[in-house]
N, C-alpha and C. Protein backbone atom coordinates (compact mmCIF):
# COMPACT_ATOMS: atom_id res chain seq x y z
N UNK A 1 -11.98 1.49 -10.23
CA UNK A 1 -11.36 1.38 -9.68
C UNK A 1 -12.02 2.03 -7.93
N UNK A 2 -11.72 0.98 -6.70
CA UNK A 2 -12.89 1.81 -6.24
C UNK A 2 -12.16 2.33 -5.06
N UNK A 3 -13.25 2.32 -3.73
CA UNK A 3 -12.03 3.69 -2.88
C UNK A 3 -11.75 2.15 -1.76
N UNK A 4 -10.46 3.02 -0.89
CA UNK A 4 -10.02 1.92 0.27
C UNK A 4 -10.60 1.71 0.67
N UNK A 5 -11.27 0.26 1.24
CA UNK A 5 -12.45 0.15 2.80
C UNK A 5 -11.85 -0.99 4.19
N UNK A 6 -12.52 -1.40 4.69
CA UNK A 6 -11.88 -1.48 5.78
C UNK A 6 -10.63 -3.30 6.11
N UNK A 7 -11.38 -3.69 4.69
CA UNK A 7 -10.94 -4.06 4.85
C UNK A 7 -9.66 -4.34 3.94
N UNK A 8 -9.49 -3.44 3.46
CA UNK A 8 -7.84 -3.16 2.80
C UNK A 8 -6.66 -3.06 3.87
N UNK A 9 -7.42 -2.38 4.84
CA UNK A 9 -6.70 -2.00 6.27
C UNK A 9 -5.74 -2.94 6.58
N UNK A 10 -7.08 -4.38 6.55
CA UNK A 10 -6.29 -5.59 7.78
C UNK A 10 -5.17 -5.85 5.89
N UNK A 11 -5.63 -6.30 4.93
CA UNK A 11 -4.78 -6.40 3.61
C UNK A 11 -3.92 -5.75 3.98
N UNK A 12 -3.71 -4.83 3.94
CA UNK A 12 -2.13 -3.92 4.31
C UNK A 12 -1.59 -4.07 5.24
N UNK A 13 -2.50 -4.22 6.34
CA UNK A 13 -1.20 -4.82 7.98
C UNK A 13 -0.15 -6.36 7.34
N UNK A 14 -0.84 -6.60 6.83
CA UNK A 14 -0.44 -8.52 6.86
C UNK A 14 0.23 -8.13 4.93
N UNK A 15 0.20 -7.32 4.24
CA UNK A 15 1.32 -7.76 3.36
C UNK A 15 2.54 -6.67 4.01
N UNK A 16 1.82 -5.09 5.22
CA UNK A 16 3.74 -4.84 5.20
C UNK A 16 4.21 -5.55 6.58
N UNK A 17 4.00 -6.32 7.04
CA UNK A 17 4.25 -7.21 8.33
C UNK A 17 5.02 -8.90 7.63
N UNK A 18 4.41 -9.10 6.21
CA UNK A 18 4.76 -10.12 5.66
C UNK A 18 6.22 -9.55 4.80
N UNK A 19 6.34 -8.30 4.58
CA UNK A 19 7.78 -7.91 3.73
C UNK A 19 8.29 -7.24 4.78
N UNK A 20 8.17 -7.40 6.40
CA UNK A 20 9.04 -6.88 6.89
C UNK A 20 9.03 -4.99 7.04
N UNK A 21 7.83 -4.90 6.63
CA UNK A 21 7.97 -2.88 6.22
C UNK A 21 6.97 -1.91 7.69
N UNK A 22 7.44 -3.25 9.33
CA UNK A 22 6.62 -2.54 10.42
C UNK A 22 6.80 -1.42 10.64
N UNK A 23 8.23 -1.02 10.48
CA UNK A 23 9.20 -0.12 11.15
C UNK A 23 8.91 1.53 10.32
N UNK A 24 9.32 0.95 8.32
CA UNK A 24 8.85 1.98 7.98
C UNK A 24 7.73 2.67 8.27
N UNK A 25 6.44 1.58 7.77
CA UNK A 25 5.02 2.10 8.22
C UNK A 25 4.52 2.45 9.14
N UNK A 26 5.08 2.51 10.18
CA UNK A 26 4.26 3.15 11.93
C UNK A 26 5.78 4.42 11.77
N UNK A 27 6.61 5.41 11.20
CA UNK A 27 7.64 6.39 10.76
C UNK A 27 6.66 7.20 10.20
N UNK A 28 5.95 6.57 9.58
CA UNK A 28 5.27 7.22 7.88
C UNK A 28 4.40 7.83 8.87
N UNK A 29 3.22 7.23 9.51
CA UNK A 29 2.37 7.11 9.91
C UNK A 29 2.39 8.37 11.37
N UNK A 30 3.60 7.45 12.17
CA UNK A 30 3.78 8.31 13.15
C UNK A 30 4.05 10.11 12.95
N UNK A 31 5.16 10.20 12.24
CA UNK A 31 5.23 11.45 11.14
C UNK A 31 4.32 12.35 10.80
N UNK A 32 3.33 11.71 9.35
CA UNK A 32 2.41 12.57 8.97
C UNK A 32 1.66 12.75 9.93
N UNK A 33 1.17 14.76 9.53
CA UNK A 33 -0.37 14.98 9.83
C UNK A 33 -0.65 15.53 9.52
N UNK A 34 -0.58 15.55 8.02
CA UNK A 34 -2.25 15.40 7.36
C UNK A 34 -1.52 14.91 6.17
N UNK A 35 -2.21 14.56 4.78
CA UNK A 35 -2.66 13.76 3.41
C UNK A 35 -0.99 14.02 2.81
N UNK A 36 -0.55 15.60 2.86
CA UNK A 36 -0.01 15.71 1.56
C UNK A 36 2.34 15.28 2.94
N UNK A 37 1.16 15.93 4.00
CA UNK A 37 2.94 14.24 4.14
C UNK A 37 3.04 13.09 3.33
N UNK A 38 2.25 12.11 3.78
CA UNK A 38 1.29 10.61 3.58
C UNK A 38 2.06 11.23 2.33
N UNK A 39 1.49 11.22 1.06
CA UNK A 39 2.23 11.27 -0.48
C UNK A 39 3.53 11.70 -0.57
N UNK A 40 4.54 12.37 0.39
CA UNK A 40 5.48 13.20 0.17
C UNK A 40 6.83 12.59 1.03
N UNK A 41 6.01 11.97 1.83
CA UNK A 41 6.71 10.64 2.90
C UNK A 41 6.73 9.48 1.76
N UNK A 42 5.68 9.12 1.82
CA UNK A 42 5.19 7.72 0.17
C UNK A 42 5.63 7.55 -0.60
N UNK A 43 6.41 7.69 -1.93
CA UNK A 43 6.78 7.87 -2.04
C UNK A 43 7.99 6.92 -2.04
N UNK A 44 8.68 7.22 -0.66
CA UNK A 44 9.69 6.47 -0.58
C UNK A 44 8.95 5.06 -0.29
N UNK A 45 8.28 4.55 0.53
CA UNK A 45 7.34 3.54 1.58
C UNK A 45 6.78 2.89 0.06
N UNK A 46 6.64 3.74 -0.90
CA UNK A 46 5.86 3.23 -1.76
C UNK A 46 6.99 1.47 -2.58
N UNK A 47 8.11 2.05 -2.30
CA UNK A 47 9.04 2.00 -3.83
C UNK A 47 9.79 1.26 -2.44
N UNK A 48 9.74 1.03 -1.44
CA UNK A 48 10.10 -0.02 -0.61
C UNK A 48 9.19 -1.22 -0.49
N UNK A 49 8.03 -0.85 -0.63
CA UNK A 49 7.18 -1.93 -0.35
C UNK A 49 7.69 -2.32 -1.67
N UNK A 50 7.78 -2.24 -3.33
CA UNK A 50 8.33 -2.84 -4.64
C UNK A 50 9.26 -3.36 -4.64
N UNK A 51 10.19 -2.88 -3.79
CA UNK A 51 11.97 -3.22 -3.53
C UNK A 51 12.19 -4.79 -2.20
N UNK A 52 11.26 -4.70 -1.72
CA UNK A 52 11.27 -5.81 -0.87
C UNK A 52 10.61 -6.69 -1.26
N UNK A 53 9.13 -6.27 -1.75
CA UNK A 53 8.74 -7.36 -2.41
C UNK A 53 9.23 -8.39 -3.84
N UNK A 54 10.78 -7.90 -4.05
CA UNK A 54 10.81 -7.57 -5.39
C UNK A 54 12.10 -9.47 -4.73
N UNK A 55 12.86 -8.04 -3.06
CA UNK A 55 13.85 -9.25 -2.54
C UNK A 55 13.30 -10.39 -2.09
N UNK A 56 12.25 -10.29 -1.57
CA UNK A 56 11.36 -11.54 -0.50
C UNK A 56 10.27 -12.57 -1.36
N UNK A 57 10.35 -12.34 -2.85
CA UNK A 57 9.03 -12.96 -3.83
C UNK A 57 8.00 -12.73 -2.97
N UNK A 58 7.98 -11.43 -3.24
CA UNK A 58 6.42 -10.56 -2.58
C UNK A 58 5.28 -10.31 -3.68
N UNK A 59 6.26 -10.75 -5.08
CA UNK A 59 5.05 -10.31 -5.86
C UNK A 59 3.38 -10.14 -5.62
N UNK A 60 3.51 -11.83 -5.69
CA UNK A 60 2.10 -12.66 -5.21
C UNK A 60 1.17 -12.19 -3.62
N UNK A 61 2.38 -11.26 -3.37
CA UNK A 61 1.46 -10.90 -2.16
C UNK A 61 0.97 -9.32 -2.30
N UNK A 62 1.71 -8.62 -2.93
CA UNK A 62 1.60 -7.27 -3.31
C UNK A 62 -0.13 -7.02 -4.51
N UNK A 63 0.58 -7.94 -5.73
CA UNK A 63 -0.92 -8.34 -6.65
C UNK A 63 -2.11 -8.41 -5.83
N UNK A 64 -2.10 -9.51 -4.48
CA UNK A 64 -3.23 -10.00 -4.12
C UNK A 64 -3.77 -8.79 -3.46
N UNK A 65 -2.87 -7.98 -2.11
CA UNK A 65 -3.18 -6.82 -1.83
C UNK A 65 -4.23 -5.87 -3.28
N UNK A 66 -3.33 -5.25 -3.63
CA UNK A 66 -3.30 -4.29 -4.92
C UNK A 66 -5.02 -4.88 -5.90
N UNK A 67 -5.17 -6.05 -5.97
CA UNK A 67 -6.45 -6.50 -6.70
C UNK A 67 -7.58 -6.08 -5.63
N UNK A 68 -8.08 -6.07 -5.08
CA UNK A 68 -9.22 -5.44 -4.66
C UNK A 68 -9.73 -3.86 -4.78
N UNK A 69 -8.22 -2.69 -4.14
CA UNK A 69 -8.79 -1.42 -4.15
C UNK A 69 -8.93 -1.80 -5.94
N UNK A 70 -7.83 -2.23 -7.01
CA UNK A 70 -8.21 -2.04 -8.23
C UNK A 70 -9.04 -2.77 -9.49
N UNK A 71 -10.26 -3.84 -8.25
CA UNK A 71 -10.75 -4.81 -8.51
C UNK A 71 -11.14 -5.37 -9.71
N UNK A 72 -9.70 -6.24 -9.56
CA UNK A 72 -8.41 -7.28 -10.75
C UNK A 72 -8.25 -7.97 -9.71
N UNK A 73 -8.05 -9.64 -10.62
CA UNK A 73 -7.92 -10.72 -10.01
C UNK A 73 -6.33 -10.02 -10.22
N UNK A 74 -5.21 -11.11 -8.84
CA UNK A 74 -4.09 -11.09 -9.14
C UNK A 74 -3.30 -10.97 -10.29
N UNK A 75 -3.71 -12.08 -10.56
CA UNK A 75 -3.32 -11.79 -12.49
C UNK A 75 -3.32 -11.47 -12.93
N UNK A 76 -4.15 -10.60 -13.13
CA UNK A 76 -4.59 -9.24 -14.23
C UNK A 76 -3.89 -8.37 -13.64
N UNK A 77 -3.59 -8.41 -11.62
CA UNK A 77 -2.15 -7.30 -11.64
C UNK A 77 -1.27 -7.50 -12.00
N UNK A 78 -0.84 -9.02 -11.90
CA UNK A 78 0.70 -9.33 -12.45
C UNK A 78 1.02 -8.94 -13.74
N UNK A 79 0.05 -9.11 -14.53
CA UNK A 79 -0.31 -8.60 -17.01
C UNK A 79 -0.28 -7.35 -16.77
N UNK A 80 -0.41 -6.15 -15.40
CA UNK A 80 -1.03 -5.08 -15.69
C UNK A 80 0.05 -4.47 -16.51
N UNK A 81 0.38 -3.50 -17.68
CA UNK A 81 1.11 -2.94 -17.87
C UNK A 81 1.94 -1.96 -16.97
N UNK A 82 2.91 -1.04 -16.87
CA UNK A 82 3.65 -0.15 -15.71
C UNK A 82 2.60 0.96 -15.62
N UNK A 83 2.25 1.25 -16.75
CA UNK A 83 1.72 2.17 -16.98
C UNK A 83 0.67 2.63 -15.96
N UNK A 84 -0.37 1.65 -16.31
CA UNK A 84 -1.84 1.73 -15.75
C UNK A 84 -1.38 1.09 -14.54
N UNK A 85 -0.34 -0.05 -13.74
CA UNK A 85 0.09 0.31 -12.65
C UNK A 85 0.15 1.73 -11.68
N UNK A 86 0.95 2.08 -12.53
CA UNK A 86 1.82 3.63 -12.01
C UNK A 86 0.33 5.08 -11.26
N UNK A 87 -0.21 5.03 -12.55
CA UNK A 87 -2.34 5.85 -12.92
C UNK A 87 -2.79 5.12 -11.76
N UNK A 88 -2.91 3.85 -11.60
CA UNK A 88 -3.67 3.75 -10.72
C UNK A 88 -3.06 4.00 -8.85
N UNK A 89 -2.37 3.82 -9.37
CA UNK A 89 -1.56 4.47 -7.52
C UNK A 89 -1.31 5.57 -7.50
N UNK A 90 -1.43 6.30 -8.66
CA UNK A 90 -1.62 7.48 -7.93
C UNK A 90 -3.54 8.13 -7.95
N UNK A 91 -4.24 7.16 -8.74
CA UNK A 91 -5.95 7.20 -8.91
C UNK A 91 -5.93 7.04 -6.97
N UNK A 92 -5.42 6.25 -7.18
CA UNK A 92 -5.93 5.08 -5.14
C UNK A 92 -5.51 6.24 -4.41
N UNK A 93 -4.02 6.58 -4.27
CA UNK A 93 -3.98 8.11 -3.34
C UNK A 93 -4.84 8.90 -3.15
N UNK A 94 -5.22 9.53 -4.47
CA UNK A 94 -6.15 11.10 -4.37
C UNK A 94 -7.27 10.84 -4.80
N UNK A 95 -7.99 9.53 -4.69
CA UNK A 95 -9.47 9.56 -3.87
C UNK A 95 -9.61 9.30 -2.92
N UNK A 96 -8.77 8.64 -1.61
CA UNK A 96 -8.62 8.08 -0.39
C UNK A 96 -8.32 8.61 0.44
N UNK A 97 -8.42 9.06 1.84
CA UNK A 97 -7.92 9.65 2.04
C UNK A 97 -6.06 9.51 3.06
N UNK A 98 -5.35 8.86 2.50
CA UNK A 98 -4.24 8.49 3.43
C UNK A 98 -3.89 8.38 4.37
N UNK A 99 -4.18 9.17 5.30
CA UNK A 99 -3.84 9.31 6.36
C UNK A 99 -4.30 8.42 7.68
N UNK A 100 -5.95 8.77 7.32
CA UNK A 100 -5.72 7.37 8.50
C UNK A 100 -5.98 6.66 8.03
N UNK A 101 -6.29 6.09 6.67
CA UNK A 101 -5.01 4.58 6.33
C UNK A 101 -4.08 3.80 6.41
N UNK A 102 -3.23 4.85 6.37
CA UNK A 102 -1.84 4.79 7.20
C UNK A 102 -1.48 4.50 8.87
N UNK A 103 -2.13 5.23 9.39
CA UNK A 103 -2.10 5.26 10.51
C UNK A 103 -3.25 3.81 11.06
N UNK A 104 -4.09 3.73 10.48
CA UNK A 104 -4.79 2.43 11.21
C UNK A 104 -4.03 1.22 11.22
N UNK A 105 -3.33 1.17 9.34
CA UNK A 105 -2.24 0.82 9.56
C UNK A 105 -1.12 -0.05 9.89
N UNK A 106 -0.87 1.22 10.64
CA UNK A 106 0.44 0.92 11.41
C UNK A 106 -0.03 0.93 12.81
N UNK A 107 -1.70 1.23 13.60
CA UNK A 107 -1.74 0.87 14.64
C UNK A 107 -1.73 -0.91 14.80
N UNK A 108 -1.64 -1.23 13.57
CA UNK A 108 -2.83 -2.95 13.82
C UNK A 108 -0.77 -3.53 13.32
N UNK A 109 0.06 -2.56 12.67
CA UNK A 109 1.41 -3.66 12.63
C UNK A 109 2.33 -3.39 13.99
N UNK A 110 2.01 -3.19 15.26
CA UNK A 110 2.50 -2.76 16.33
C UNK A 110 2.51 -3.98 17.63
N UNK A 111 1.07 -4.97 16.90
CA UNK A 111 0.69 -5.91 17.64
C UNK A 111 1.94 -7.91 17.16
């Protein structure tokens, strides 16, 4: 697994816009003052992404986004065991500075 990159900010922004989660992303980024805030508020947001992805047939969008940092194809992401996915999401959060990431995503979603 690789760290989040600049391209991931844009990919996350596209995902959030397509899933209609712009306001939720802006709210979390606006309220967060430190990484722990993102992590504590982030569960609801991550759940919202998965929930909205199933409602809007956005599974492919989510797999496409996660394929980058997971260094897998979208098809491999879709076939991944749930326990591996959850462990990977946790690792991704722990190994990256999510506060600037979410703040940058929030800035880009206002356009």
